[in-house]
Amino acid sequence: MATKTVSAEIEARPGQERRAAAVLQELGFRIHHIGSTISADGPAELWNQHFGVSFSAASKEIGHAQVTGWLRPAPDALAIPTGLRDLIAGVSFVEPPELY
């Protein structure tokens, strides 16, 4: 699979938002926003390396258009690494938006 960027919203533990973002950035993830969640992205291989999650090519119909070329995570593969468990509570991967 070619290298593709995967976006996610990361739920930091209370009060750990900036530290979690700094550690994620040190690991190679790109941080876009730090707020109630941390918006980040990185290559699928980076997510796999640090969170053990694998991805498969996905598509879905939005309105009358078929959206292809995005990656869907394996349903139950995500594992927060031991070194990040005190900083991160969860990760939600971003799917293409449904516009009305």
C-alpha atoms as a PDB file:
ATOM      1  CA  MET A   1       0.000   0.000   0.000  1.00  0.00           C
ATOM      2  CA  ALA A   2       1.351   3.433  -0.904  1.00  0.00           C
ATOM      3  CA  THR A   3       2.010   5.876   1.888  1.00  0.00           C
ATOM      4  CA  LYS A   4      -1.192   7.727   2.714  1.00  0.00           C
ATOM      5  CA  THR A   5      -1.855  10.273   5.414  1.00  0.00           C
ATOM      6  CA  VAL A   6      -4.429   9.351   8.034  1.00  0.00           C
ATOM      7  CA  SER A   7      -6.113  12.044  10.146  1.00  0.00           C
ATOM      8  CA  ALA A   8      -7.401  11.589  13.680  1.00  0.00           C
ATOM      9  CA  GLU A   9      -8.851  13.401  16.659  1.00  0.00           C
ATOM     10  CA  ILE A  10      -6.970  12.410  19.799  1.00  0.00           C
ATOM     11  CA  GLU A  11      -8.572  12.672  23.216  1.00  0.00           C
ATOM     12  CA  ALA A  12      -5.925  13.697  25.723  1.00  0.00           C
ATOM     13  CA  ARG A  13      -6.186  13.013  29.443  1.00  0.00           C
ATOM     14  CA  PRO A  14      -7.402  16.131  31.319  1.00  0.00           C
ATOM     15  CA  GLY A  15      -4.638  18.731  31.565  1.00  0.00           C
ATOM     16  CA  GLN A  16      -2.295  16.740  29.308  1.00  0.00           C
ATOM     17  CA  GLU A  17      -3.250  18.217  25.941  1.00  0.00           C
ATOM     18  CA  ARG A  18      -0.035  20.150  25.261  1.00  0.00           C
ATOM     19  CA  ARG A  19       2.261  17.400  26.548  1.00  0.00           C
ATOM     20  CA  ALA A  20       0.421  14.756  24.503  1.00  0.00           C
ATOM     21  CA  ALA A  21       0.683  16.925  21.376  1.00  0.00           C
ATOM     22  CA  ALA A  22       4.417  17.464  21.977  1.00  0.00           C
ATOM     23  CA  VAL A  23       5.055  13.733  22.368  1.00  0.00           C
ATOM     24  CA  LEU A  24       3.008  12.916  19.268  1.00  0.00           C
ATOM     25  CA  GLN A  25       4.971  15.518  17.314  1.00  0.00           C
ATOM     26  CA  GLU A  26       8.253  14.011  18.548  1.00  0.00           C
ATOM     27  CA  LEU A  27       7.047  10.639  17.225  1.00  0.00           C
ATOM     28  CA  GLY A  28       6.538  12.166  13.772  1.00  0.00           C
ATOM     29  CA  PHE A  29       2.841  13.065  13.743  1.00  0.00           C
ATOM     30  CA  ARG A  30       1.789  16.459  12.400  1.00  0.00           C
ATOM     31  CA  ILE A  31      -0.293  18.462  14.893  1.00  0.00           C
ATOM     32  CA  HIS A  32      -2.931  20.812  13.462  1.00  0.00           C
ATOM     33  CA  HIS A  33      -4.868  21.961  16.506  1.00  0.00           C
ATOM     34  CA  ILE A  34      -4.821  21.549  20.268  1.00  0.00           C
ATOM     35  CA  GLY A  35      -8.158  22.035  22.004  1.00  0.00           C
ATOM     36  CA  SER A  36     -10.657  19.690  23.614  1.00  0.00           C
ATOM     37  CA  THR A  37      -9.131  17.153  21.220  1.00  0.00           C
ATOM     38  CA  ILE A  38      -5.841  17.168  19.347  1.00  0.00           C
ATOM     39  CA  SER A  39      -6.151  17.164  15.559  1.00  0.00           C
ATOM     40  CA  ALA A  40      -3.245  15.252  14.069  1.00  0.00           C
ATOM     41  CA  ASP A  41      -2.239  13.240  11.052  1.00  0.00           C
ATOM     42  CA  GLY A  42       0.543  10.992   9.922  1.00  0.00           C
ATOM     43  CA  PRO A  43       1.346   8.241   7.448  1.00  0.00           C
ATOM     44  CA  ALA A  44      -0.579   4.991   7.934  1.00  0.00           C
ATOM     45  CA  GLU A  45       2.750   3.282   8.647  1.00  0.00           C
ATOM     46  CA  LEU A  46       3.420   5.666  11.556  1.00  0.00           C
ATOM     47  CA  TRP A  47       0.020   4.899  13.113  1.00  0.00           C
ATOM     48  CA  ASN A  48       0.775   1.208  12.714  1.00  0.00           C
ATOM     49  CA  GLN A  49       4.242   1.529  14.241  1.00  0.00           C
ATOM     50  CA  HIS A  50       3.113   3.389  17.371  1.00  0.00           C
ATOM     51  CA  PHE A  51      -0.536   2.362  17.843  1.00  0.00           C
ATOM     52  CA  GLY A  52      -0.567  -1.065  16.188  1.00  0.00           C
ATOM     53  CA  VAL A  53      -3.477  -0.125  13.953  1.00  0.00           C
ATOM     54  CA  SER A  54      -3.692  -1.321  10.366  1.00  0.00           C
ATOM     55  CA  PHE A  55      -5.751   0.227   7.611  1.00  0.00           C
ATOM     56  CA  SER A  56      -7.538  -0.911   4.479  1.00  0.00           C
ATOM     57  CA  ALA A  57      -8.656   1.034   1.430  1.00  0.00           C
ATOM     58  CA  ALA A  58     -12.242   2.193   1.773  1.00  0.00           C
ATOM     59  CA  SER A  59     -14.956   3.934  -0.160  1.00  0.00           C
ATOM     60  CA  LYS A  60     -18.432   5.163   0.616  1.00  0.00           C
ATOM     61  CA  GLU A  61     -21.300   6.849  -1.127  1.00  0.00           C
ATOM     62  CA  ILE A  62     -21.937  10.438  -0.100  1.00  0.00           C
ATOM     63  CA  GLY A  63     -24.985  11.900  -1.743  1.00  0.00           C
ATOM     64  CA  HIS A  64     -24.718  10.846  -5.371  1.00  0.00           C
ATOM     65  CA  ALA A  65     -20.939  10.554  -5.400  1.00  0.00           C
ATOM     66  CA  GLN A  66     -18.663   7.654  -4.547  1.00  0.00           C
ATOM     67  CA  VAL A  67     -15.731   8.775  -2.358  1.00  0.00           C
ATOM     68  CA  THR A  68     -12.683   6.531  -2.683  1.00  0.00           C
ATOM     69  CA  GLY A  69      -9.032   6.629  -1.727  1.00  0.00           C
ATOM     70  CA  TRP A  70      -9.271   7.001   2.058  1.00  0.00           C
ATOM     71  CA  LEU A  71      -8.117   4.537   4.671  1.00  0.00           C
ATOM     72  CA  ARG A  72     -10.329   2.883   7.281  1.00  0.00           C
ATOM     73  CA  PRO A  73      -8.725   1.501  10.457  1.00  0.00           C
ATOM     74  CA  ALA A  74      -9.197  -2.137  11.432  1.00  0.00           C
ATOM     75  CA  PRO A  75     -12.147  -2.171  13.888  1.00  0.00           C
ATOM     76  CA  ASP A  76     -10.409  -3.240  17.099  1.00  0.00           C
ATOM     77  CA  ALA A  77      -6.712  -3.003  16.375  1.00  0.00           C
ATOM     78  CA  LEU A  78      -5.857   0.301  18.097  1.00  0.00           C
ATOM     79  CA  ALA A  79      -3.678   0.041  21.200  1.00  0.00           C
ATOM     80  CA  ILE A  80      -2.436   3.120  23.017  1.00  0.00           C
ATOM     81  CA  PRO A  81       1.275   2.549  23.713  1.00  0.00           C
ATOM     82  CA  THR A  82       2.370   2.181  27.322  1.00  0.00           C
ATOM     83  CA  GLY A  83       4.384   5.429  27.183  1.00  0.00           C
ATOM     84  CA  LEU A  84       1.307   7.417  26.064  1.00  0.00           C
ATOM     85  CA  ARG A  85      -1.406   5.942  28.320  1.00  0.00           C
ATOM     86  CA  ASP A  86      -0.940   8.690  30.913  1.00  0.00           C
ATOM     87  CA  LEU A  87      -1.407  11.317  28.177  1.00  0.00           C
ATOM     88  CA  ILE A  88      -3.972   9.879  25.741  1.00  0.00           C
ATOM     89  CA  ALA A  89      -7.444   8.501  26.495  1.00  0.00           C
ATOM     90  CA  GLY A  90      -8.532   7.645  22.949  1.00  0.00           C
ATOM     91  CA  VAL A  91      -8.124   8.084  19.207  1.00  0.00           C
ATOM     92  CA  SER A  92     -10.910   8.593  16.636  1.00  0.00           C
ATOM     93  CA  PHE A  93      -9.961   8.391  12.974  1.00  0.00           C
ATOM     94  CA  VAL A  94     -11.521  10.910  10.605  1.00  0.00           C
ATOM     95  CA  GLU A  95     -13.741   9.775   7.722  1.00  0.00           C
ATOM     96  CA  PRO A  96     -14.683  11.900   4.710  1.00  0.00           C
ATOM     97  CA  PRO A  97     -17.443  14.349   5.675  1.00  0.00           C
ATOM     98  CA  GLU A  98     -21.018  13.891   4.556  1.00  0.00           C
ATOM     99  CA  LEU A  99     -22.168  17.201   3.099  1.00  0.00           C
ATOM    100  CA  TYR A 100     -25.863  17.965   2.764  1.00  0.00           C
END
